[in-house]
């Protein structure tokens, strides 16, 4: 009898019971992005999410997955980063949740 890890084997049954990490998507300027372990946001072309906003710094913020949760940190930007209207304190990570709105300059990024 053929067993696959996905379904019939003991290993497969144990894997099915494991908690799956929540998949988070970001919506920004009409585009959707799947969240990965580490993402940068800013005007520079080398960012994971490039924003077309002259109030955004070249490297504005860092979005990072830590222990199945997502956090954001301002990267010492000129105009700061806001989550749900509140300024992120310098050097601090803020935990994100579904429907949070990140504001970088005039650009809004929504957590889905």
Protein backbone atom coordinates (compact mmCIF):
# COMPACT_ATOMS: atom_id res chain seq x y z
CA UNK A 1 0.00 0.00 0.00
CA UNK A 2 1.40 3.40 -1.00
CA UNK A 3 1.34 6.00 1.75
CA UNK A 4 2.01 9.67 1.29
CA UNK A 5 3.33 12.02 3.93
CA UNK A 6 0.44 14.34 3.19
CA UNK A 7 -2.41 12.02 4.06
CA UNK A 8 -2.11 8.43 5.20
CA UNK A 9 1.18 8.02 7.05
CA UNK A 10 1.73 8.70 10.74
CA UNK A 11 4.00 11.62 9.84
CA UNK A 12 1.30 13.07 7.58
CA UNK A 13 -1.31 12.81 10.33
CA UNK A 14 0.97 14.64 12.78
CA UNK A 15 1.75 17.35 10.22
CA UNK A 16 -1.95 18.00 9.65
CA UNK A 17 -2.36 18.77 13.37
CA UNK A 18 0.36 21.43 13.43
CA UNK A 19 -0.78 25.02 13.56
CA UNK A 20 -0.30 26.72 10.22
CA UNK A 21 1.12 30.24 10.18
CA UNK A 22 -1.40 32.91 9.27
CA UNK A 23 -0.88 34.20 5.75
CA UNK A 24 -0.95 37.97 5.68
CA UNK A 25 -1.38 40.13 2.61
CA UNK A 26 -0.71 43.82 2.28
CA UNK A 27 -2.60 46.20 0.03
CA UNK A 28 -0.77 49.31 -1.16
CA UNK A 29 -1.51 51.73 -4.01
CA UNK A 30 -3.81 49.24 -5.75
CA UNK A 31 -1.38 46.32 -5.50
CA UNK A 32 -1.48 43.29 -3.23
CA UNK A 33 1.65 41.79 -1.66
CA UNK A 34 2.03 38.52 0.22
CA UNK A 35 3.87 39.08 3.48
CA UNK A 36 7.15 37.24 3.79
CA UNK A 37 9.62 36.92 6.67
CA UNK A 38 11.25 40.30 6.15
CA UNK A 39 10.10 43.18 3.94
CA UNK A 40 11.26 46.76 3.52
CA UNK A 41 8.99 49.63 2.54
CA UNK A 42 10.10 52.91 1.00
CA UNK A 43 10.74 55.00 -2.13
CA UNK A 44 13.93 53.16 -3.14
CA UNK A 45 13.72 50.60 -5.92
CA UNK A 46 15.46 48.00 -3.76
CA UNK A 47 12.53 47.80 -1.29
CA UNK A 48 10.12 44.88 -1.22
CA UNK A 49 7.27 47.40 -1.39
CA UNK A 50 8.18 50.52 -3.33
CA UNK A 51 5.89 53.47 -2.68
CA UNK A 52 5.49 56.42 -5.02
CA UNK A 53 5.32 59.09 -2.34
CA UNK A 54 7.77 61.98 -1.93
CA UNK A 55 7.06 62.07 1.83
CA UNK A 56 8.40 58.52 2.19
CA UNK A 57 12.08 57.94 2.89
CA UNK A 58 14.15 55.75 0.57
CA UNK A 59 14.17 53.04 3.26
CA UNK A 60 11.24 53.96 5.45
CA UNK A 61 10.05 50.93 7.44
CA UNK A 62 10.75 47.26 8.09
CA UNK A 63 8.01 44.64 8.28
CA UNK A 64 9.20 41.43 9.92
CA UNK A 65 7.69 38.11 10.94
CA UNK A 66 8.71 37.02 14.44
CA UNK A 67 7.23 33.85 16.01
CA UNK A 68 4.13 33.67 13.75
CA UNK A 69 3.32 37.37 14.23
CA UNK A 70 4.13 40.38 12.08
CA UNK A 71 5.79 43.53 13.40
CA UNK A 72 6.72 46.89 11.89
CA UNK A 73 9.58 49.20 12.78
CA UNK A 74 10.36 52.68 11.47
CA UNK A 75 13.85 52.88 9.95
CA UNK A 76 14.63 56.40 11.25
CA UNK A 77 12.58 57.92 8.45
CA UNK A 78 12.24 61.68 8.09
CA UNK A 79 8.44 61.78 8.52
CA UNK A 80 7.86 58.71 10.70
CA UNK A 81 5.50 55.75 10.35
CA UNK A 82 1.98 55.52 11.76
CA UNK A 83 -0.15 52.48 12.56
CA UNK A 84 -3.86 53.23 12.91
CA UNK A 85 -3.03 56.92 13.30
CA UNK A 86 -0.45 56.46 16.08
CA UNK A 87 3.21 57.28 15.55
CA UNK A 88 5.59 54.32 15.99
CA UNK A 89 8.10 55.19 18.74
CA UNK A 90 11.71 55.39 17.57
CA UNK A 91 13.50 52.03 17.73
CA UNK A 92 10.36 50.06 18.69
CA UNK A 93 8.59 47.20 16.92
CA UNK A 94 4.79 47.39 16.81
CA UNK A 95 2.76 44.18 16.45
CA UNK A 96 0.38 44.22 13.51
CA UNK A 97 -3.01 42.58 13.19
CA UNK A 98 -5.59 42.15 10.47
CA UNK A 99 -7.16 45.41 9.21
CA UNK A 100 -4.39 47.62 10.64
CA UNK A 101 -3.53 50.61 8.47
CA UNK A 102 0.11 51.63 8.12
CA UNK A 103 0.67 55.19 6.93
CA UNK A 104 3.94 56.19 5.30
CA UNK A 105 3.80 59.76 4.06
CA UNK A 106 0.46 59.99 2.26
CA UNK A 107 0.49 56.27 1.41
CA UNK A 108 -1.72 53.82 3.26
CA UNK A 109 -0.91 50.13 3.49
CA UNK A 110 -3.68 47.87 4.76
CA UNK A 111 -3.11 44.51 6.46
CA UNK A 112 -5.53 41.89 5.14
